[in-house]
C-alpha atoms as a PDB file:
ATOM      1  CA  MET A   1     303.692  89.434 148.461  1.00  0.00           C
ATOM      2  CA  LEU A   2     303.774  85.692 149.095  1.00  0.00           C
ATOM      3  CA  PRO A   3     301.383  83.622 146.961  1.00  0.00           C
ATOM      4  CA  THR A   4     298.828  81.385 148.545  1.00  0.00           C
ATOM      5  CA  THR A   5     299.324  77.697 147.936  1.00  0.00           C
ATOM      6  CA  SER A   6     296.962  74.814 148.368  1.00  0.00           C
ATOM      7  CA  VAL A   7     297.117  71.061 148.225  1.00  0.00           C
ATOM      8  CA  ASN A   8     296.078  71.174 144.582  1.00  0.00           C
ATOM      9  CA  SER A   9     299.291  73.023 143.692  1.00  0.00           C
ATOM     10  CA  ARG A  10     301.028  69.645 143.638  1.00  0.00           C
ATOM     11  CA  SER A  11     298.318  67.764 141.816  1.00  0.00           C
ATOM     12  CA  HIS A  12     298.282  66.212 138.384  1.00  0.00           C
ATOM     13  CA  GLY A  13     296.541  67.785 135.465  1.00  0.00           C
ATOM     14  CA  ASN A  14     293.256  66.195 136.476  1.00  0.00           C
ATOM     15  CA  GLY A  15     293.421  67.906 139.909  1.00  0.00           C
ATOM     16  CA  VAL A  16     294.082  64.696 141.845  1.00  0.00           C
ATOM     17  CA  LEU A  17     297.179  64.009 143.945  1.00  0.00           C
ATOM     18  CA  SER A  18     299.204  60.966 143.071  1.00  0.00           C
ATOM     19  CA  PRO A  19     298.891  58.157 145.640  1.00  0.00           C
ATOM     20  CA  ARG A  20     302.493  58.682 146.726  1.00  0.00           C
ATOM     21  CA  ASP A  21     302.087  62.443 147.257  1.00  0.00           C
ATOM     22  CA  ALA A  22     298.745  61.953 148.993  1.00  0.00           C
ATOM     23  CA  ALA A  23     300.300  59.506 151.462  1.00  0.00           C
ATOM     24  CA  ARG A  24     303.173  61.880 152.186  1.00  0.00           C
ATOM     25  CA  HIS A  25     300.840  64.791 152.954  1.00  0.00           C
ATOM     26  CA  THR A  26     298.343  63.146 155.278  1.00  0.00           C
ATOM     27  CA  ALA A  27     298.144  64.412 158.845  1.00  0.00           C
ATOM     28  CA  GLY A  28     299.282  61.017 160.121  1.00  0.00           C
ATOM     29  CA  ALA A  29     302.388  61.033 157.926  1.00  0.00           C
ATOM     30  CA  LYS A  30     303.326  64.543 159.025  1.00  0.00           C
ATOM     31  CA  ARG A  31     302.790  63.637 162.679  1.00  0.00           C
ATOM     32  CA  TYR A  32     304.910  60.494 162.341  1.00  0.00           C
ATOM     33  CA  LYS A  33     307.738  62.464 160.736  1.00  0.00           C
ATOM     34  CA  TYR A  34     307.606  65.079 163.488  1.00  0.00           C
ATOM     35  CA  LEU A  35     307.632  62.523 166.324  1.00  0.00           C
ATOM     36  CA  ARG A  36     310.412  60.542 164.666  1.00  0.00           C
ATOM     37  CA  ARG A  37     312.643  63.618 164.550  1.00  0.00           C
ATOM     38  CA  LEU A  38     311.930  64.230 168.229  1.00  0.00           C
ATOM     39  CA  PHE A  39     314.400  61.449 169.062  1.00  0.00           C
ATOM     40  CA  HIS A  40     317.135  62.614 166.681  1.00  0.00           C
ATOM     41  CA  PHE A  41     318.707  65.729 168.172  1.00  0.00           C
ATOM     42  CA  ARG A  42     321.318  65.987 165.420  1.00  0.00           C
ATOM     43  CA  GLN A  43     318.564  66.518 162.871  1.00  0.00           C
ATOM     44  CA  MET A  44     317.081  69.453 164.760  1.00  0.00           C
ATOM     45  CA  ASP A  45     317.902  73.041 163.887  1.00  0.00           C
ATOM     46  CA  PHE A  46     318.328  74.544 167.357  1.00  0.00           C
ATOM     47  CA  GLU A  47     319.963  77.679 165.978  1.00  0.00           C
ATOM     48  CA  PHE A  48     316.868  78.489 163.944  1.00  0.00           C
ATOM     49  CA  ALA A  49     314.619  77.681 166.915  1.00  0.00           C
ATOM     50  CA  LEU A  50     316.599  80.162 169.045  1.00  0.00           C
ATOM     51  CA  TRP A  51     316.176  82.727 166.270  1.00  0.00           C
ATOM     52  CA  GLN A  52     312.412  82.212 166.430  1.00  0.00           C
ATOM     53  CA  MET A  53     312.386  82.606 170.217  1.00  0.00           C
ATOM     54  CA  LEU A  54     314.265  85.889 169.933  1.00  0.00           C
ATOM     55  CA  TYR A  55     311.972  87.304 167.270  1.00  0.00           C
ATOM     56  CA  LEU A  56     308.834  86.265 169.129  1.00  0.00           C
ATOM     57  CA  PHE A  57     309.746  89.141 171.450  1.00  0.00           C
ATOM     58  CA  THR A  58     311.123  91.655 168.967  1.00  0.00           C
ATOM     59  CA  SER A  59     309.234  90.962 165.711  1.00  0.00           C
ATOM     60  CA  PRO A  60     306.793  88.022 165.831  1.00  0.00           C
ATOM     61  CA  GLN A  61     305.585  88.830 162.311  1.00  0.00           C
ATOM     62  CA  ARG A  62     308.940  87.597 160.970  1.00  0.00           C
ATOM     63  CA  VAL A  63     308.380  84.233 162.674  1.00  0.00           C
ATOM     64  CA  TYR A  64     305.057  83.746 160.928  1.00  0.00           C
ATOM     65  CA  ARG A  65     306.571  84.872 157.634  1.00  0.00           C
ATOM     66  CA  ASN A  66     308.723  81.761 157.870  1.00  0.00           C
ATOM     67  CA  PHE A  67     305.559  79.641 158.147  1.00  0.00           C
ATOM     68  CA  HIS A  68     304.607  81.000 154.718  1.00  0.00           C
ATOM     69  CA  TYR A  69     307.923  79.804 153.325  1.00  0.00           C
ATOM     70  CA  ARG A  70     307.382  76.354 154.836  1.00  0.00           C
ATOM     71  CA  LYS A  71     303.973  76.138 153.194  1.00  0.00           C
ATOM     72  CA  GLN A  72     305.519  76.967 149.828  1.00  0.00           C
ATOM     73  CA  THR A  73     308.430  74.548 150.114  1.00  0.00           C
ATOM     74  CA  LYS A  74     307.002  71.672 152.187  1.00  0.00           C
ATOM     75  CA  ASP A  75     303.259  72.097 151.671  1.00  0.00           C
ATOM     76  CA  GLN A  76     302.442  72.408 155.363  1.00  0.00           C
ATOM     77  CA  TRP A  77     301.967  75.299 157.740  1.00  0.00           C
ATOM     78  CA  ALA A  78     302.980  73.496 160.931  1.00  0.00           C
ATOM     79  CA  ARG A  79     306.586  73.002 162.010  1.00  0.00           C
ATOM     80  CA  ASP A  80     308.245  69.820 160.888  1.00  0.00           C
ATOM     81  CA  ASP A  81     311.202  70.328 163.255  1.00  0.00           C
ATOM     82  CA  PRO A  82     310.598  69.744 167.006  1.00  0.00           C
ATOM     83  CA  ALA A  83     313.628  71.855 168.027  1.00  0.00           C
ATOM     84  CA  PHE A  84     311.386  74.719 169.209  1.00  0.00           C
ATOM     85  CA  LEU A  85     309.353  72.350 171.396  1.00  0.00           C
ATOM     86  CA  VAL A  86     312.535  70.862 172.889  1.00  0.00           C
ATOM     87  CA  LEU A  87     313.989  74.286 173.753  1.00  0.00           C
ATOM     88  CA  LEU A  88     310.644  75.415 175.166  1.00  0.00           C
ATOM     89  CA  SER A  89     310.618  72.321 177.397  1.00  0.00           C
ATOM     90  CA  VAL A  90     314.116  73.183 178.638  1.00  0.00           C
ATOM     91  CA  TRP A  91     313.011  76.744 179.389  1.00  0.00           C
ATOM     92  CA  LEU A  92     309.963  75.413 181.202  1.00  0.00           C
ATOM     93  CA  CYS A  93     312.014  73.035 183.347  1.00  0.00           C
ATOM     94  CA  VAL A  94     314.640  75.633 184.277  1.00  0.00           C
ATOM     95  CA  SER A  95     312.092  78.330 185.116  1.00  0.00           C
ATOM     96  CA  THR A  96     309.966  75.935 187.171  1.00  0.00           C
ATOM     97  CA  VAL A  97     313.010  74.853 189.174  1.00  0.00           C
ATOM     98  CA  GLY A  98     313.664  78.552 189.745  1.00  0.00           C
ATOM     99  CA  PHE A  99     310.091  78.951 190.957  1.00  0.00           C
ATOM    100  CA  GLY A 100     310.603  76.076 193.372  1.00  0.00           C
ATOM    101  CA  PHE A 101     313.757  77.716 194.687  1.00  0.00           C
ATOM    102  CA  VAL A 102     312.104  81.116 195.139  1.00  0.00           C
ATOM    103  CA  LEU A 103     309.142  79.517 196.944  1.00  0.00           C
ATOM    104  CA  ASP A 104     311.557  77.549 199.173  1.00  0.00           C
ATOM    105  CA  MET A 105     310.318  74.137 198.052  1.00  0.00           C
ATOM    106  CA  GLY A 106     312.163  70.918 198.717  1.00  0.00           C
ATOM    107  CA  PHE A 107     313.615  68.651 196.029  1.00  0.00           C
ATOM    108  CA  PHE A 108     310.631  66.327 195.706  1.00  0.00           C
ATOM    109  CA  GLU A 109     308.174  69.199 195.898  1.00  0.00           C
ATOM    110  CA  THR A 110     309.991  70.934 193.040  1.00  0.00           C
ATOM    111  CA  ILE A 111     309.933  67.740 190.952  1.00  0.00           C
ATOM    112  CA  LYS A 112     306.209  67.373 191.603  1.00  0.00           C
ATOM    113  CA  LEU A 113     305.630  71.000 190.630  1.00  0.00           C
ATOM    114  CA  LEU A 114     307.681  70.454 187.468  1.00  0.00           C
ATOM    115  CA  LEU A 115     305.541  67.485 186.430  1.00  0.00           C
ATOM    116  CA  TRP A 116     302.371  69.498 187.048  1.00  0.00           C
ATOM    117  CA  VAL A 117     303.579  72.488 185.045  1.00  0.00           C
ATOM    118  CA  VAL A 118     304.934  70.479 182.109  1.00  0.00           C
ATOM    119  CA  PHE A 119     302.181  67.901 181.632  1.00  0.00           C
ATOM    120  CA  ILE A 120     299.133  69.853 182.836  1.00  0.00           C
ATOM    121  CA  ASP A 121     299.794  73.581 182.409  1.00  0.00           C
ATOM    122  CA  CYS A 122     301.813  73.375 179.194  1.00  0.00           C
ATOM    123  CA  VAL A 123     300.925  70.159 177.363  1.00  0.00           C
ATOM    124  CA  GLY A 124     297.407  69.495 178.680  1.00  0.00           C
ATOM    125  CA  VAL A 125     296.117  73.069 178.514  1.00  0.00           C
ATOM    126  CA  GLY A 126     297.989  73.565 175.241  1.00  0.00           C
ATOM    127  CA  LEU A 127     296.231  70.604 173.635  1.00  0.00           C
ATOM    128  CA  LEU A 128     292.853  71.929 174.751  1.00  0.00           C
ATOM    129  CA  ILE A 129     293.520  75.469 173.511  1.00  0.00           C
ATOM    130  CA  ALA A 130     294.956  74.257 170.204  1.00  0.00           C
ATOM    131  CA  THR A 131     291.965  71.963 169.619  1.00  0.00           C
ATOM    132  CA  LEU A 132     289.504  74.721 170.493  1.00  0.00           C
ATOM    133  CA  MET A 133     291.199  77.258 168.206  1.00  0.00           C
ATOM    134  CA  TRP A 134     291.509  74.667 165.437  1.00  0.00           C
ATOM    135  CA  PHE A 135     287.762  73.993 165.632  1.00  0.00           C
ATOM    136  CA  ILE A 136     286.763  77.675 165.830  1.00  0.00           C
ATOM    137  CA  SER A 137     289.030  78.784 162.995  1.00  0.00           C
ATOM    138  CA  ASN A 138     287.914  75.994 160.651  1.00  0.00           C
ATOM    139  CA  LYS A 139     284.254  76.375 161.598  1.00  0.00           C
ATOM    140  CA  TYR A 140     283.851  80.154 161.557  1.00  0.00           C
ATOM    141  CA  LEU A 141     286.937  81.886 160.111  1.00  0.00           C
ATOM    142  CA  VAL A 142     287.659  80.047 156.851  1.00  0.00           C
ATOM    143  CA  LYS A 143     286.652  82.209 153.868  1.00  0.00           C
ATOM    144  CA  GLN A 144     285.417  79.292 151.792  1.00  0.00           C
ATOM    145  CA  GLN A 145     284.519  75.892 153.135  1.00  0.00           C
ATOM    146  CA  ASN A 146     286.937  73.852 151.072  1.00  0.00           C
ATOM    147  CA  ARG A 147     288.970  70.911 152.269  1.00  0.00           C
ATOM    148  CA  ASP A 148     292.006  72.355 150.458  1.00  0.00           C
ATOM    149  CA  TYR A 149     291.920  75.397 152.748  1.00  0.00           C
ATOM    150  CA  ASP A 150     291.812  74.479 156.393  1.00  0.00           C
ATOM    151  CA  VAL A 151     293.852  75.172 159.515  1.00  0.00           C
ATOM    152  CA  GLU A 152     296.108  72.265 160.401  1.00  0.00           C
ATOM    153  CA  TRP A 153     295.834  71.129 164.010  1.00  0.00           C
ATOM    154  CA  GLY A 154     299.635  71.085 164.177  1.00  0.00           C
ATOM    155  CA  TYR A 155     299.693  74.746 163.146  1.00  0.00           C
ATOM    156  CA  ALA A 156     297.160  75.615 165.859  1.00  0.00           C
ATOM    157  CA  PHE A 157     299.430  73.916 168.390  1.00  0.00           C
ATOM    158  CA  ASP A 158     302.449  75.805 167.009  1.00  0.00           C
ATOM    159  CA  VAL A 159     300.587  79.097 167.417  1.00  0.00           C
ATOM    160  CA  HIS A 160     299.912  78.197 171.049  1.00  0.00           C
ATOM    161  CA  LEU A 161     303.590  77.364 171.629  1.00  0.00           C
ATOM    162  CA  ASN A 162     304.645  80.637 169.990  1.00  0.00           C
ATOM    163  CA  ALA A 163     302.294  82.620 172.217  1.00  0.00           C
ATOM    164  CA  PHE A 164     303.099  80.577 175.325  1.00  0.00           C
ATOM    165  CA  TYR A 165     306.858  81.182 175.145  1.00  0.00           C
ATOM    166  CA  PRO A 166     306.797  84.975 175.866  1.00  0.00           C
ATOM    167  CA  LEU A 167     304.217  84.369 178.595  1.00  0.00           C
ATOM    168  CA  LEU A 168     306.491  81.744 180.131  1.00  0.00           C
ATOM    169  CA  VAL A 169     309.534  84.023 180.103  1.00  0.00           C
ATOM    170  CA  ILE A 170     307.644  86.939 181.650  1.00  0.00           C
ATOM    171  CA  LEU A 171     305.774  85.035 184.374  1.00  0.00           C
ATOM    172  CA  HIS A 172     308.199  82.166 185.087  1.00  0.00           C
ATOM    173  CA  PHE A 173     311.525  83.944 184.655  1.00  0.00           C
ATOM    174  CA  ILE A 174     311.443  87.749 184.790  1.00  0.00           C
ATOM    175  CA  GLN A 175     308.878  87.722 187.576  1.00  0.00           C
ATOM    176  CA  LEU A 176     311.099  85.506 189.762  1.00  0.00           C
ATOM    177  CA  PHE A 177     313.428  88.425 190.485  1.00  0.00           C
ATOM    178  CA  PHE A 178     310.582  90.465 192.002  1.00  0.00           C
ATOM    179  CA  ILE A 179     308.461  87.902 193.850  1.00  0.00           C
ATOM    180  CA  ASN A 180     310.019  87.795 197.320  1.00  0.00           C
ATOM    181  CA  TYR A 181     311.140  91.405 197.496  1.00  0.00           C
ATOM    182  CA  VAL A 182     308.325  93.271 195.756  1.00  0.00           C
ATOM    183  CA  ILE A 183     305.337  91.360 194.444  1.00  0.00           C
ATOM    184  CA  ILE A 184     304.128  89.225 197.361  1.00  0.00           C
ATOM    185  CA  SER A 185     304.507  92.053 199.849  1.00  0.00           C
ATOM    186  CA  ASP A 186     301.216  93.416 201.181  1.00  0.00           C
ATOM    187  CA  SER A 187     301.549  96.755 199.437  1.00  0.00           C
ATOM    188  CA  VAL A 188     300.055  98.604 196.494  1.00  0.00           C
ATOM    189  CA  ILE A 189     303.334  98.489 194.573  1.00  0.00           C
ATOM    190  CA  GLY A 190     303.448  94.711 195.078  1.00  0.00           C
ATOM    191  CA  TYR A 191     300.214  93.803 193.338  1.00  0.00           C
ATOM    192  CA  PHE A 192     300.675  96.645 190.838  1.00  0.00           C
ATOM    193  CA  VAL A 193     303.992  95.211 189.606  1.00  0.00           C
ATOM    194  CA  GLY A 194     302.745  91.614 189.694  1.00  0.00           C
ATOM    195  CA  ASN A 195     299.425  92.276 187.962  1.00  0.00           C
ATOM    196  CA  THR A 196     301.117  94.473 185.356  1.00  0.00           C
ATOM    197  CA  LEU A 197     303.430  91.601 184.452  1.00  0.00           C
ATOM    198  CA  TRP A 198     300.360  89.377 184.096  1.00  0.00           C
ATOM    199  CA  LEU A 199     298.718  92.002 181.868  1.00  0.00           C
ATOM    200  CA  ILE A 200     301.789  92.157 179.619  1.00  0.00           C
ATOM    201  CA  ALA A 201     302.201  88.353 179.482  1.00  0.00           C
ATOM    202  CA  ILE A 202     298.581  87.485 178.691  1.00  0.00           C
ATOM    203  CA  GLY A 203     298.291  90.462 176.363  1.00  0.00           C
ATOM    204  CA  TYR A 204     301.314  89.216 174.460  1.00  0.00           C
ATOM    205  CA  TYR A 205     299.749  85.737 174.299  1.00  0.00           C
ATOM    206  CA  ILE A 206     296.597  87.195 172.733  1.00  0.00           C
ATOM    207  CA  TYR A 207     298.579  89.316 170.271  1.00  0.00           C
ATOM    208  CA  VAL A 208     300.892  86.514 169.091  1.00  0.00           C
ATOM    209  CA  THR A 209     297.874  84.213 168.726  1.00  0.00           C
ATOM    210  CA  PHE A 210     296.141  86.838 166.594  1.00  0.00           C
ATOM    211  CA  LEU A 211     299.236  87.191 164.399  1.00  0.00           C
ATOM    212  CA  GLY A 212     299.343  83.431 163.927  1.00  0.00           C
ATOM    213  CA  TYR A 213     295.834  83.154 162.534  1.00  0.00           C
ATOM    214  CA  SER A 214     295.870  86.451 160.638  1.00  0.00           C
ATOM    215  CA  ALA A 215     298.957  85.149 158.790  1.00  0.00           C
ATOM    216  CA  LEU A 216     296.798  82.508 157.095  1.00  0.00           C
ATOM    217  CA  PRO A 217     295.511  84.040 153.849  1.00  0.00           C
ATOM    218  CA  PHE A 218     292.365  81.893 153.748  1.00  0.00           C
ATOM    219  CA  LEU A 219     290.977  83.091 157.101  1.00  0.00           C
ATOM    220  CA  LYS A 220     288.650  86.054 157.593  1.00  0.00           C
ATOM    221  CA  ASN A 221     287.633  88.266 160.533  1.00  0.00           C
ATOM    222  CA  THR A 222     290.698  87.282 162.564  1.00  0.00           C
ATOM    223  CA  ALA A 223     290.465  90.640 164.358  1.00  0.00           C
ATOM    224  CA  VAL A 224     287.889  89.025 166.664  1.00  0.00           C
ATOM    225  CA  LEU A 225     290.821  87.226 168.317  1.00  0.00           C
ATOM    226  CA  LEU A 226     291.871  90.601 169.741  1.00  0.00           C
ATOM    227  CA  TYR A 227     288.559  91.140 171.530  1.00  0.00           C
ATOM    228  CA  PRO A 228     289.747  89.436 174.753  1.00  0.00           C
ATOM    229  CA  PHE A 229     292.068  92.433 175.185  1.00  0.00           C
ATOM    230  CA  ALA A 230     289.104  94.495 176.424  1.00  0.00           C
ATOM    231  CA  LEU A 231     288.181  91.876 179.024  1.00  0.00           C
ATOM    232  CA  LEU A 232     291.830  91.565 180.064  1.00  0.00           C
ATOM    233  CA  VAL A 233     292.238  95.311 180.644  1.00  0.00           C
ATOM    234  CA  MET A 234     288.936  95.429 182.543  1.00  0.00           C
ATOM    235  CA  LEU A 235     290.027  92.563 184.799  1.00  0.00           C
ATOM    236  CA  TYR A 236     293.377  94.271 185.345  1.00  0.00           C
ATOM    237  CA  LEU A 237     291.735  97.518 186.478  1.00  0.00           C
ATOM    238  CA  ILE A 238     289.323  95.648 188.757  1.00  0.00           C
ATOM    239  CA  SER A 239     292.230  93.740 190.322  1.00  0.00           C
ATOM    240  CA  LEU A 240     294.038  96.984 191.121  1.00  0.00           C
ATOM    241  CA  ALA A 241     290.902  98.510 192.597  1.00  0.00           C
ATOM    242  CA  CYS A 242     290.205  95.423 194.739  1.00  0.00           C
ATOM    243  CA  GLY A 243     293.815  94.728 195.699  1.00  0.00           C
ATOM    244  CA  TRP A 244     293.975  91.268 194.121  1.00  0.00           C
ATOM    245  CA  ASN A 245     297.483  89.929 193.737  1.00  0.00           C
ATOM    246  CA  PHE A 246     297.525  87.368 190.921  1.00  0.00           C
ATOM    247  CA  THR A 247     301.119  86.308 191.559  1.00  0.00           C
ATOM    248  CA  LYS A 248     300.465  85.733 195.232  1.00  0.00           C
ATOM    249  CA  MET A 249     297.471  83.601 194.280  1.00  0.00           C
ATOM    250  CA  LEU A 250     299.654  81.649 191.815  1.00  0.00           C
ATOM    251  CA  CYS A 251     302.311  81.003 194.468  1.00  0.00           C
ATOM    252  CA  SER A 252     299.665  79.759 196.906  1.00  0.00           C
ATOM    253  CA  PHE A 253     298.228  77.518 194.191  1.00  0.00           C
ATOM    254  CA  TYR A 254     301.667  76.068 193.395  1.00  0.00           C
ATOM    255  CA  LYS A 255     302.287  75.319 197.075  1.00  0.00           C
ATOM    256  CA  TYR A 256     298.865  73.681 197.374  1.00  0.00           C
ATOM    257  CA  ARG A 257     299.638  71.471 194.373  1.00  0.00           C
ATOM    258  CA  VAL A 258     302.753  69.927 195.882  1.00  0.00           C
ATOM    259  CA  ARG A 259     301.350  69.161 199.333  1.00  0.00           C
END
């Protein structure tokens, strides 16, 4: 079993960090290091990032086990290597271009859709979700209110990226092969296939998010993060009963965006 570490594990005998160590472990210093590496591709470990992407589908627990190792060795839960974010951005661009092709959009319309998806749907919504989860987890889920045990905002954003990647692959890649021929057809099988893919994608997002916060040993009652599953299943059943086609609505929304 992996031991829990805290900031005080690197302190002097009097329990106070040295000025040099304290400066190296501030949120600003970690953020600066992360952003600096964003412009040095040779320093990024893309092979390891690909490994994480694979295991987010097959065994996401192994991905979060690595976050434990990072905490032990580098005294931070969040990623210090932006390789995962870079590869996710590539996936997002490629899949969005594919969406533009499937929806028969022109070149400039596809570029406009790409900018919307990257900066609003991924980055903008991601920042909001990460900030909300960071606040909720630190406010209500921390076992003991101690500044040495808190959820890093960078870790909350990493959890969102981890959960967003499977959702992206399912809805922006796998779904592309079924849109024109199955999903947007006015038939029961169409909205059944489309809505089922949405159920799997959002359900996976909820599950990977739960794993991310339950992996932190200083949080309690993380099972509450699974409660949205009940609402998701209820909405799914209602959509089938009412004939709502979520993918068809998404396609119409995308086309409206680029007008």
